[in-house]
Amino acid sequence: MNLKGMELIISQLRAQREDFVNQIGHIDAALIVLGRVNGTHAQVPVRTISAAGRKRIAAAQRARWAKVRGKVKTSKRTMSAASRRKIAAAQRARWARVNKSKA
């Protein structure tokens, strides 16, 4: 058998394989639909969570709701007097440069 004949056979086999893959996809979709009609569902892996994990999630959700309802006091950030003086001095220096460049 020559090279051209082999390439033809390989291309036909690939086309046939692609058709089979498409048909299997359609069959899978039909089975899923039929499973829903019969009251059964496609098998979905069941995920379990530990009791400790449930407690952590519940505590976090309770904290979120408490925050929404305003039951949690959030502390305001405060700045030291020294920090305020440094910021004020830097701002005065900036404005001095701006005013100097305008004059």
PDB file of N, CA and C in Angstrom:
ATOM      1  N   MET A   1       0.862  -1.171   0.000  1.00  0.00           N
ATOM      2  CA  MET A   1       0.000   0.000   0.000  1.00  0.00           C
ATOM      3  C   MET A   1       0.906   1.231   0.000  1.00  0.00           C
ATOM      4  N   ASN A   2       0.551   2.197  -0.794  1.00  0.00           N
ATOM      5  CA  ASN A   2       1.392   3.387  -0.886  1.00  0.00           C
ATOM      6  C   ASN A   2       1.037   4.406   0.185  1.00  0.00           C
ATOM      7  N   LEU A   3       1.826   5.436   0.263  1.00  0.00           N
ATOM      8  CA  LEU A   3       1.686   6.463   1.297  1.00  0.00           C
ATOM      9  C   LEU A   3       0.372   7.221   1.170  1.00  0.00           C
ATOM     10  N   LYS A   4      -0.033   7.499  -0.065  1.00  0.00           N
ATOM     11  CA  LYS A   4      -1.269   8.242  -0.290  1.00  0.00           C
ATOM     12  C   LYS A   4      -2.487   7.440   0.178  1.00  0.00           C
ATOM     13  N   GLY A   5      -2.451   6.137  -0.038  1.00  0.00           N
ATOM     14  CA  GLY A   5      -3.554   5.276   0.392  1.00  0.00           C
ATOM     15  C   GLY A   5      -3.660   5.223   1.909  1.00  0.00           C
ATOM     16  N   MET A   6      -2.511   5.195   2.570  1.00  0.00           N
ATOM     17  CA  MET A   6      -2.500   5.176   4.037  1.00  0.00           C
ATOM     18  C   MET A   6      -3.058   6.480   4.600  1.00  0.00           C
ATOM     19  N   GLU A   7      -2.677   7.609   4.000  1.00  0.00           N
ATOM     20  CA  GLU A   7      -3.182   8.904   4.459  1.00  0.00           C
ATOM     21  C   GLU A   7      -4.693   8.981   4.302  1.00  0.00           C
ATOM     22  N   LEU A   8      -5.209   8.415   3.216  1.00  0.00           N
ATOM     23  CA  LEU A   8      -6.649   8.407   2.974  1.00  0.00           C
ATOM     24  C   LEU A   8      -7.368   7.589   4.041  1.00  0.00           C
ATOM     25  N   ILE A   9      -6.822   6.434   4.365  1.00  0.00           N
ATOM     26  CA  ILE A   9      -7.428   5.572   5.391  1.00  0.00           C
ATOM     27  C   ILE A   9      -7.392   6.268   6.746  1.00  0.00           C
ATOM     28  N   ILE A  10      -6.277   6.899   7.077  1.00  0.00           N
ATOM     29  CA  ILE A  10      -6.142   7.594   8.365  1.00  0.00           C
ATOM     30  C   ILE A  10      -7.130   8.740   8.453  1.00  0.00           C
ATOM     31  N   SER A  11      -7.288   9.501   7.382  1.00  0.00           N
ATOM     32  CA  SER A  11      -8.241  10.620   7.417  1.00  0.00           C
ATOM     33  C   SER A  11      -9.672  10.123   7.561  1.00  0.00           C
ATOM     34  N   GLN A  12      -9.999   8.989   6.917  1.00  0.00           N
ATOM     35  CA  GLN A  12     -11.346   8.417   7.051  1.00  0.00           C
ATOM     36  C   GLN A  12     -11.583   7.942   8.482  1.00  0.00           C
ATOM     37  N   LEU A  13     -10.579   7.306   9.065  1.00  0.00           N
ATOM     38  CA  LEU A  13     -10.717   6.842  10.446  1.00  0.00           C
ATOM     39  C   LEU A  13     -10.887   8.016  11.415  1.00  0.00           C
ATOM     40  N   ARG A  14     -10.152   9.096  11.194  1.00  0.00           N
ATOM     41  CA  ARG A  14     -10.306  10.275  12.048  1.00  0.00           C
ATOM     42  C   ARG A  14     -11.700  10.876  11.916  1.00  0.00           C
ATOM     43  N   ALA A  15     -12.220  10.945  10.707  1.00  0.00           N
ATOM     44  CA  ALA A  15     -13.568  11.479  10.488  1.00  0.00           C
ATOM     45  C   ALA A  15     -14.600  10.591  11.173  1.00  0.00           C
ATOM     46  N   GLN A  16     -14.413   9.273  11.062  1.00  0.00           N
ATOM     47  CA  GLN A  16     -15.335   8.337  11.698  1.00  0.00           C
ATOM     48  C   GLN A  16     -15.290   8.491  13.224  1.00  0.00           C
ATOM     49  N   ARG A  17     -14.079   8.646  13.757  1.00  0.00           N
ATOM     50  CA  ARG A  17     -13.922   8.832  15.204  1.00  0.00           C
ATOM     51  C   ARG A  17     -14.628  10.103  15.653  1.00  0.00           C
ATOM     52  N   GLU A  18     -14.490  11.188  14.900  1.00  0.00           N
ATOM     53  CA  GLU A  18     -15.140  12.449  15.237  1.00  0.00           C
ATOM     54  C   GLU A  18     -16.667  12.299  15.237  1.00  0.00           C
ATOM     55  N   ASP A  19     -17.189  11.546  14.274  1.00  0.00           N
ATOM     56  CA  ASP A  19     -18.633  11.290  14.243  1.00  0.00           C
ATOM     57  C   ASP A  19     -19.079  10.530  15.489  1.00  0.00           C
ATOM     58  N   PHE A  20     -18.290   9.512  15.877  1.00  0.00           N
ATOM     59  CA  PHE A  20     -18.638   8.737  17.074  1.00  0.00           C
ATOM     60  C   PHE A  20     -18.627   9.616  18.323  1.00  0.00           C
ATOM     61  N   VAL A  21     -17.651  10.491  18.438  1.00  0.00           N
ATOM     62  CA  VAL A  21     -17.569  11.387  19.596  1.00  0.00           C
ATOM     63  C   VAL A  21     -18.803  12.296  19.636  1.00  0.00           C
ATOM     64  N   ASN A  22     -19.204  12.814  18.483  1.00  0.00           N
ATOM     65  CA  ASN A  22     -20.412  13.652  18.432  1.00  0.00           C
ATOM     66  C   ASN A  22     -21.652  12.869  18.826  1.00  0.00           C
ATOM     67  N   GLN A  23     -21.761  11.635  18.326  1.00  0.00           N
ATOM     68  CA  GLN A  23     -22.922  10.804  18.664  1.00  0.00           C
ATOM     69  C   GLN A  23     -22.951  10.493  20.160  1.00  0.00           C
ATOM     70  N   ILE A  24     -21.806  10.211  20.750  1.00  0.00           N
ATOM     71  CA  ILE A  24     -21.751   9.928  22.189  1.00  0.00           C
ATOM     72  C   ILE A  24     -22.166  11.167  22.983  1.00  0.00           C
ATOM     73  N   GLY A  25     -21.755  12.348  22.521  1.00  0.00           N
ATOM     74  CA  GLY A  25     -22.175  13.583  23.184  1.00  0.00           C
ATOM     75  C   GLY A  25     -23.678  13.753  23.153  1.00  0.00           C
ATOM     76  N   HIS A  26     -24.295  13.453  22.002  1.00  0.00           N
ATOM     77  CA  HIS A  26     -25.756  13.543  21.901  1.00  0.00           C
ATOM     78  C   HIS A  26     -26.442  12.518  22.796  1.00  0.00           C
ATOM     79  N   ILE A  27     -25.883  11.328  22.860  1.00  0.00           N
ATOM     80  CA  ILE A  27     -26.458  10.282  23.710  1.00  0.00           C
ATOM     81  C   ILE A  27     -26.371  10.690  25.171  1.00  0.00           C
ATOM     82  N   ASP A  28     -25.232  11.236  25.584  1.00  0.00           N
ATOM     83  CA  ASP A  28     -25.075  11.699  26.966  1.00  0.00           C
ATOM     84  C   ASP A  28     -26.098  12.783  27.302  1.00  0.00           C
ATOM     85  N   ALA A  29     -26.284  13.734  26.378  1.00  0.00           N
ATOM     86  CA  ALA A  29     -27.257  14.802  26.615  1.00  0.00           C
ATOM     87  C   ALA A  29     -28.661  14.228  26.748  1.00  0.00           C
ATOM     88  N   ALA A  30     -29.001  13.260  25.901  1.00  0.00           N
ATOM     89  CA  ALA A  30     -30.332  12.638  25.967  1.00  0.00           C
ATOM     90  C   ALA A  30     -30.515  11.902  27.287  1.00  0.00           C
ATOM     91  N   LEU A  31     -29.486  11.211  27.737  1.00  0.00           N
ATOM     92  CA  LEU A  31     -29.586  10.486  29.009  1.00  0.00           C
ATOM     93  C   LEU A  31     -29.779  11.445  30.173  1.00  0.00           C
ATOM     94  N   ILE A  32     -29.114  12.581  30.122  1.00  0.00           N
ATOM     95  CA  ILE A  32     -29.279  13.566  31.196  1.00  0.00           C
ATOM     96  C   ILE A  32     -30.714  14.080  31.211  1.00  0.00           C
ATOM     97  N   VAL A  33     -31.249  14.391  30.031  1.00  0.00           N
ATOM     98  CA  VAL A  33     -32.627  14.888  29.961  1.00  0.00           C
ATOM     99  C   VAL A  33     -33.596  13.819  30.437  1.00  0.00           C
ATOM    100  N   LEU A  34     -33.424  12.594  29.991  1.00  0.00           N
ATOM    101  CA  LEU A  34     -34.311  11.513  30.402  1.00  0.00           C
ATOM    102  C   LEU A  34     -34.195  11.239  31.892  1.00  0.00           C
ATOM    103  N   GLY A  35     -33.015  11.381  32.431  1.00  0.00           N
ATOM    104  CA  GLY A  35     -32.837  11.188  33.873  1.00  0.00           C
ATOM    105  C   GLY A  35     -33.626  12.209  34.655  1.00  0.00           C
ATOM    106  N   ARG A  36     -33.695  13.445  34.162  1.00  0.00           N
ATOM    107  CA  ARG A  36     -34.469  14.477  34.852  1.00  0.00           C
ATOM    108  C   ARG A  36     -35.958  14.212  34.732  1.00  0.00           C
ATOM    109  N   VAL A  37     -36.375  13.672  33.617  1.00  0.00           N
ATOM    110  CA  VAL A  37     -37.802  13.382  33.423  1.00  0.00           C
ATOM    111  C   VAL A  37     -38.246  12.293  34.377  1.00  0.00           C
ATOM    112  N   ASN A  38     -37.415  11.280  34.575  1.00  0.00           N
ATOM    113  CA  ASN A  38     -37.772  10.165  35.442  1.00  0.00           C
ATOM    114  C   ASN A  38     -37.651  10.492  36.915  1.00  0.00           C
ATOM    115  N   GLY A  39     -37.197  11.669  37.239  1.00  0.00           N
ATOM    116  CA  GLY A  39     -37.064  12.046  38.640  1.00  0.00           C
ATOM    117  C   GLY A  39     -35.681  11.784  39.195  1.00  0.00           C
ATOM    118  N   THR A  40     -34.840  11.139  38.440  1.00  0.00           N
ATOM    119  CA  THR A  40     -33.472  10.929  38.896  1.00  0.00           C
ATOM    120  C   THR A  40     -32.593  11.970  38.229  1.00  0.00           C
ATOM    121  N   HIS A  41     -31.475  12.213  38.805  1.00  0.00           N
ATOM    122  CA  HIS A  41     -30.552  13.200  38.261  1.00  0.00           C
ATOM    123  C   HIS A  41     -29.236  12.523  37.929  1.00  0.00           C
ATOM    124  N   ALA A  42     -28.496  13.176  37.101  1.00  0.00           N
ATOM    125  CA  ALA A  42     -27.164  12.672  36.816  1.00  0.00           C
ATOM    126  C   ALA A  42     -26.374  12.643  38.118  1.00  0.00           C
ATOM    127  N   GLN A  43     -25.518  11.681  38.247  1.00  0.00           N
ATOM    128  CA  GLN A  43     -24.794  11.538  39.503  1.00  0.00           C
ATOM    129  C   GLN A  43     -23.844  12.711  39.695  1.00  0.00           C
ATOM    130  N   VAL A  44     -24.058  13.397  40.790  1.00  0.00           N
ATOM    131  CA  VAL A  44     -23.203  14.519  41.166  1.00  0.00           C
ATOM    132  C   VAL A  44     -22.444  14.084  42.404  1.00  0.00           C
ATOM    133  N   PRO A  45     -21.151  14.275  42.427  1.00  0.00           N
ATOM    134  CA  PRO A  45     -20.409  13.836  43.612  1.00  0.00           C
ATOM    135  C   PRO A  45     -20.894  14.569  44.858  1.00  0.00           C
ATOM    136  N   VAL A  46     -21.086  13.826  45.912  1.00  0.00           N
ATOM    137  CA  VAL A  46     -21.574  14.388  47.161  1.00  0.00           C
ATOM    138  C   VAL A  46     -20.376  14.919  47.936  1.00  0.00           C
ATOM    139  N   ARG A  47     -20.476  16.177  48.325  1.00  0.00           N
ATOM    140  CA  ARG A  47     -19.382  16.776  49.084  1.00  0.00           C
ATOM    141  C   ARG A  47     -19.843  16.937  50.523  1.00  0.00           C
ATOM    142  N   THR A  48     -19.040  16.489  51.417  1.00  0.00           N
ATOM    143  CA  THR A  48     -19.377  16.634  52.832  1.00  0.00           C
ATOM    144  C   THR A  48     -18.406  17.611  53.462  1.00  0.00           C
ATOM    145  N   ILE A  49     -18.867  18.230  54.525  1.00  0.00           N
ATOM    146  CA  ILE A  49     -18.028  19.182  55.234  1.00  0.00           C
ATOM    147  C   ILE A  49     -18.012  18.767  56.703  1.00  0.00           C
ATOM    148  N   SER A  50     -16.903  18.957  57.333  1.00  0.00           N
ATOM    149  CA  SER A  50     -16.768  18.535  58.724  1.00  0.00           C
ATOM    150  C   SER A  50     -17.587  19.446  59.634  1.00  0.00           C
ATOM    151  N   ALA A  51     -17.847  18.975  60.835  1.00  0.00           N
ATOM    152  CA  ALA A  51     -18.592  19.775  61.809  1.00  0.00           C
ATOM    153  C   ALA A  51     -17.825  21.042  62.151  1.00  0.00           C
ATOM    154  N   ALA A  52     -16.517  20.933  62.235  1.00  0.00           N
ATOM    155  CA  ALA A  52     -15.703  22.110  62.547  1.00  0.00           C
ATOM    156  C   ALA A  52     -15.802  23.134  61.414  1.00  0.00           C
ATOM    157  N   GLY A  53     -15.808  22.654  60.183  1.00  0.00           N
ATOM    158  CA  GLY A  53     -15.943  23.551  59.041  1.00  0.00           C
ATOM    159  C   GLY A  53     -17.289  24.258  59.046  1.00  0.00           C
ATOM    160  N   ARG A  54     -18.349  23.521  59.361  1.00  0.00           N
ATOM    161  CA  ARG A  54     -19.686  24.135  59.443  1.00  0.00           C
ATOM    162  C   ARG A  54     -19.728  25.195  60.533  1.00  0.00           C
ATOM    163  N   LYS A  55     -19.073  24.915  61.665  1.00  0.00           N
ATOM    164  CA  LYS A  55     -19.055  25.888  62.768  1.00  0.00           C
ATOM    165  C   LYS A  55     -18.318  27.157  62.359  1.00  0.00           C
ATOM    166  N   ARG A  56     -17.194  27.001  61.662  1.00  0.00           N
ATOM    167  CA  ARG A  56     -16.441  28.175  61.205  1.00  0.00           C
ATOM    168  C   ARG A  56     -17.273  29.012  60.237  1.00  0.00           C
ATOM    169  N   ILE A  57     -17.947  28.345  59.315  1.00  0.00           N
ATOM    170  CA  ILE A  57     -18.771  29.067  58.337  1.00  0.00           C
ATOM    171  C   ILE A  57     -19.918  29.777  59.042  1.00  0.00           C
ATOM    172  N   ALA A  58     -20.563  29.093  59.985  1.00  0.00           N
ATOM    173  CA  ALA A  58     -21.689  29.695  60.710  1.00  0.00           C
ATOM    174  C   ALA A  58     -21.228  30.896  61.527  1.00  0.00           C
ATOM    175  N   ALA A  59     -20.078  30.775  62.186  1.00  0.00           N
ATOM    176  CA  ALA A  59     -19.570  31.889  62.989  1.00  0.00           C
ATOM    177  C   ALA A  59     -19.247  33.088  62.102  1.00  0.00           C
ATOM    178  N   ALA A  60     -18.655  32.829  60.946  1.00  0.00           N
ATOM    179  CA  ALA A  60     -18.330  33.924  60.032  1.00  0.00           C
ATOM    180  C   ALA A  60     -19.603  34.605  59.537  1.00  0.00           C
ATOM    181  N   GLN A  61     -20.632  33.814  59.237  1.00  0.00           N
ATOM    182  CA  GLN A  61     -21.891  34.403  58.754  1.00  0.00           C
ATOM    183  C   GLN A  61     -22.575  35.204  59.860  1.00  0.00           C
ATOM    184  N   ARG A  62     -22.539  34.691  61.085  1.00  0.00           N
ATOM    185  CA  ARG A  62     -23.127  35.454  62.203  1.00  0.00           C
ATOM    186  C   ARG A  62     -22.405  36.781  62.365  1.00  0.00           C
ATOM    187  N   ALA A  63     -21.086  36.768  62.221  1.00  0.00           N
ATOM    188  CA  ALA A  63     -20.312  38.007  62.344  1.00  0.00           C
ATOM    189  C   ALA A  63     -20.683  38.982  61.229  1.00  0.00           C
ATOM    190  N   ARG A  64     -20.888  38.460  60.009  1.00  0.00           N
ATOM    191  CA  ARG A  64     -21.280  39.340  58.902  1.00  0.00           C
ATOM    192  C   ARG A  64     -22.630  39.991  59.176  1.00  0.00           C
ATOM    193  N   TRP A  65     -23.588  39.190  59.655  1.00  0.00           N
ATOM    194  CA  TRP A  65     -24.914  39.747  59.932  1.00  0.00           C
ATOM    195  C   TRP A  65     -24.875  40.746  61.073  1.00  0.00           C
ATOM    196  N   ALA A  66     -24.067  40.467  62.088  1.00  0.00           N
ATOM    197  CA  ALA A  66     -23.941  41.409  63.206  1.00  0.00           C
ATOM    198  C   ALA A  66     -23.380  42.733  62.714  1.00  0.00           C
ATOM    199  N   LYS A  67     -22.427  42.664  61.803  1.00  0.00           N
ATOM    200  CA  LYS A  67     -21.847  43.883  61.255  1.00  0.00           C
ATOM    201  C   LYS A  67     -22.890  44.657  60.461  1.00  0.00           C
ATOM    202  N   VAL A  68     -23.704  43.952  59.668  1.00  0.00           N
ATOM    203  CA  VAL A  68     -24.751  44.607  58.873  1.00  0.00           C
ATOM    204  C   VAL A  68     -25.772  45.268  59.794  1.00  0.00           C
ATOM    205  N   ARG A  69     -26.112  44.599  60.859  1.00  0.00           N
ATOM    206  CA  ARG A  69     -27.123  45.130  61.783  1.00  0.00           C
ATOM    207  C   ARG A  69     -26.557  46.203  62.705  1.00  0.00           C
ATOM    208  N   GLY A  70     -25.264  46.399  62.679  1.00  0.00           N
ATOM    209  CA  GLY A  70     -24.653  47.449  63.479  1.00  0.00           C
ATOM    210  C   GLY A  70     -24.361  47.051  64.903  1.00  0.00           C
ATOM    211  N   LYS A  71     -24.323  45.774  65.177  1.00  0.00           N
ATOM    212  CA  LYS A  71     -24.061  45.331  66.542  1.00  0.00           C
ATOM    213  C   LYS A  71     -22.570  45.266  66.855  1.00  0.00           C
ATOM    214  N   VAL A  72     -21.761  45.332  65.825  1.00  0.00           N
ATOM    215  CA  VAL A  72     -20.311  45.274  66.033  1.00  0.00           C
ATOM    216  C   VAL A  72     -19.767  46.684  65.978  1.00  0.00           C
ATOM    217  N   LYS A  73     -19.020  47.042  67.013  1.00  0.00           N
ATOM    218  CA  LYS A  73     -18.437  48.372  67.041  1.00  0.00           C
ATOM    219  C   LYS A  73     -17.111  48.317  66.297  1.00  0.00           C
ATOM    220  N   THR A  74     -17.004  49.148  65.296  1.00  0.00           N
ATOM    221  CA  THR A  74     -15.740  49.210  64.570  1.00  0.00           C
ATOM    222  C   THR A  74     -14.934  50.362  65.147  1.00  0.00           C
ATOM    223  N   SER A  75     -13.678  50.108  65.419  1.00  0.00           N
ATOM    224  CA  SER A  75     -12.846  51.154  66.003  1.00  0.00           C
ATOM    225  C   SER A  75     -12.386  52.102  64.904  1.00  0.00           C
ATOM    226  N   LYS A  76     -12.424  53.389  65.220  1.00  0.00           N
ATOM    227  CA  LYS A  76     -11.942  54.370  64.262  1.00  0.00           C
ATOM    228  C   LYS A  76     -10.432  54.436  64.372  1.00  0.00           C
ATOM    229  N   ARG A  77      -9.816  54.678  63.250  1.00  0.00           N
ATOM    230  CA  ARG A  77      -8.368  54.803  63.258  1.00  0.00           C
ATOM    231  C   ARG A  77      -8.005  56.193  63.772  1.00  0.00           C
ATOM    232  N   THR A  78      -7.094  56.213  64.690  1.00  0.00           N
ATOM    233  CA  THR A  78      -6.675  57.507  65.233  1.00  0.00           C
ATOM    234  C   THR A  78      -5.227  57.758  64.861  1.00  0.00           C
ATOM    235  N   MET A  79      -4.893  59.010  64.801  1.00  0.00           N
ATOM    236  CA  MET A  79      -3.544  59.399  64.426  1.00  0.00           C
ATOM    237  C   MET A  79      -2.937  60.165  65.596  1.00  0.00           C
ATOM    238  N   SER A  80      -1.678  59.929  65.826  1.00  0.00           N
ATOM    239  CA  SER A  80      -1.024  60.626  66.930  1.00  0.00           C
ATOM    240  C   SER A  80      -0.857  62.103  66.578  1.00  0.00           C
ATOM    241  N   ALA A  81      -0.689  62.922  67.618  1.00  0.00           N
ATOM    242  CA  ALA A  81      -0.509  64.361  67.423  1.00  0.00           C
ATOM    243  C   ALA A  81       0.772  64.632  66.634  1.00  0.00           C
ATOM    244  N   ALA A  82       1.801  63.845  66.875  1.00  0.00           N
ATOM    245  CA  ALA A  82       3.062  64.037  66.156  1.00  0.00           C
ATOM    246  C   ALA A  82       2.873  63.771  64.665  1.00  0.00           C
ATOM    247  N   SER A  83       2.114  62.730  64.331  1.00  0.00           N
ATOM    248  CA  SER A  83       1.858  62.424  62.922  1.00  0.00           C
ATOM    249  C   SER A  83       1.075  63.545  62.265  1.00  0.00           C
ATOM    250  N   ARG A  84       0.084  64.088  62.989  1.00  0.00           N
ATOM    251  CA  ARG A  84      -0.702  65.194  62.430  1.00  0.00           C
ATOM    252  C   ARG A  84       0.187  66.408  62.156  1.00  0.00           C
ATOM    253  N   ARG A  85       1.096  66.694  63.095  1.00  0.00           N
ATOM    254  CA  ARG A  85       2.005  67.833  62.900  1.00  0.00           C
ATOM    255  C   ARG A  85       2.896  67.630  61.675  1.00  0.00           C
ATOM    256  N   LYS A  86       3.406  66.412  61.483  1.00  0.00           N
ATOM    257  CA  LYS A  86       4.249  66.122  60.329  1.00  0.00           C
ATOM    258  C   LYS A  86       3.472  66.304  59.022  1.00  0.00           C
ATOM    259  N   ILE A  87       2.252  65.810  58.983  1.00  0.00           N
ATOM    260  CA  ILE A  87       1.432  65.943  57.777  1.00  0.00           C
ATOM    261  C   ILE A  87       1.114  67.410  57.510  1.00  0.00           C
ATOM    262  N   ALA A  88       0.777  68.145  58.568  1.00  0.00           N
ATOM    263  CA  ALA A  88       0.462  69.574  58.405  1.00  0.00           C
ATOM    264  C   ALA A  88       1.676  70.341  57.899  1.00  0.00           C
ATOM    265  N   ALA A  89       2.854  70.037  58.432  1.00  0.00           N
ATOM    266  CA  ALA A  89       4.069  70.716  57.994  1.00  0.00           C
ATOM    267  C   ALA A  89       4.367  70.403  56.534  1.00  0.00           C
ATOM    268  N   ALA A  90       4.177  69.150  56.138  1.00  0.00           N
ATOM    269  CA  ALA A  90       4.417  68.766  54.753  1.00  0.00           C
ATOM    270  C   ALA A  90       3.438  69.467  53.829  1.00  0.00           C
ATOM    271  N   GLN A  91       2.182  69.588  54.254  1.00  0.00           N
ATOM    272  CA  GLN A  91       1.174  70.269  53.429  1.00  0.00           C
ATOM    273  C   GLN A  91       1.497  71.765  53.298  1.00  0.00           C
ATOM    274  N   ARG A  92       1.941  72.383  54.398  1.00  0.00           N
ATOM    275  CA  ARG A  92       2.322  73.792  54.330  1.00  0.00           C
ATOM    276  C   ARG A  92       3.488  73.991  53.372  1.00  0.00           C
ATOM    277  N   ALA A  93       4.427  73.046  53.393  1.00  0.00           N
ATOM    278  CA  ALA A  93       5.575  73.133  52.485  1.00  0.00           C
ATOM    279  C   ALA A  93       5.122  72.993  51.030  1.00  0.00           C
ATOM    280  N   ARG A  94       4.182  72.079  50.764  1.00  0.00           N
ATOM    281  CA  ARG A  94       3.663  71.931  49.397  1.00  0.00           C
ATOM    282  C   ARG A  94       2.996  73.206  48.916  1.00  0.00           C
ATOM    283  N   TRP A  95       2.143  73.786  49.781  1.00  0.00           N
ATOM    284  CA  TRP A  95       1.444  75.009  49.386  1.00  0.00           C
ATOM    285  C   TRP A  95       2.422  76.164  49.200  1.00  0.00           C
ATOM    286  N   ALA A  96       3.476  76.186  50.007  1.00  0.00           N
ATOM    287  CA  ALA A  96       4.490  77.224  49.852  1.00  0.00           C
ATOM    288  C   ALA A  96       5.153  77.114  48.487  1.00  0.00           C
ATOM    289  N   ARG A  97       5.460  75.889  48.048  1.00  0.00           N
ATOM    290  CA  ARG A  97       6.052  75.695  46.730  1.00  0.00           C
ATOM    291  C   ARG A  97       5.075  76.121  45.625  1.00  0.00           C
ATOM    292  N   VAL A  98       3.794  75.767  45.777  1.00  0.00           N
ATOM    293  CA  VAL A  98       2.781  76.150  44.776  1.00  0.00           C
ATOM    294  C   VAL A  98       2.676  77.671  44.695  1.00  0.00           C
ATOM    295  N   ASN A  99       2.590  78.326  45.856  1.00  0.00           N
ATOM    296  CA  ASN A  99       2.461  79.776  45.878  1.00  0.00           C
ATOM    297  C   ASN A  99       3.719  80.461  45.344  1.00  0.00           C
ATOM    298  N   LYS A 100       4.880  79.853  45.618  1.00  0.00           N
ATOM    299  CA  LYS A 100       6.139  80.433  45.147  1.00  0.00           C
ATOM    300  C   LYS A 100       6.222  80.344  43.621  1.00  0.00           C
ATOM    301  N   SER A 101       5.734  79.238  43.057  1.00  0.00           N
ATOM    302  CA  SER A 101       5.797  79.074  41.598  1.00  0.00           C
ATOM    303  C   SER A 101       4.803  79.998  40.892  1.00  0.00           C
ATOM    304  N   LYS A 102       3.714  80.372  41.560  1.00  0.00           N
ATOM    305  CA  LYS A 102       2.732  81.285  40.968  1.00  0.00           C
ATOM    306  C   LYS A 102       3.238  82.714  40.966  1.00  0.00           C
ATOM    307  N   ALA A 103       4.034  83.055  41.971  1.00  0.00           N
ATOM    308  CA  ALA A 103       4.494  84.441  42.106  1.00  0.00           C
ATOM    309  C   ALA A 103       5.619  84.783  41.193  1.00  0.00           C
TER     310      ALA A 103
END
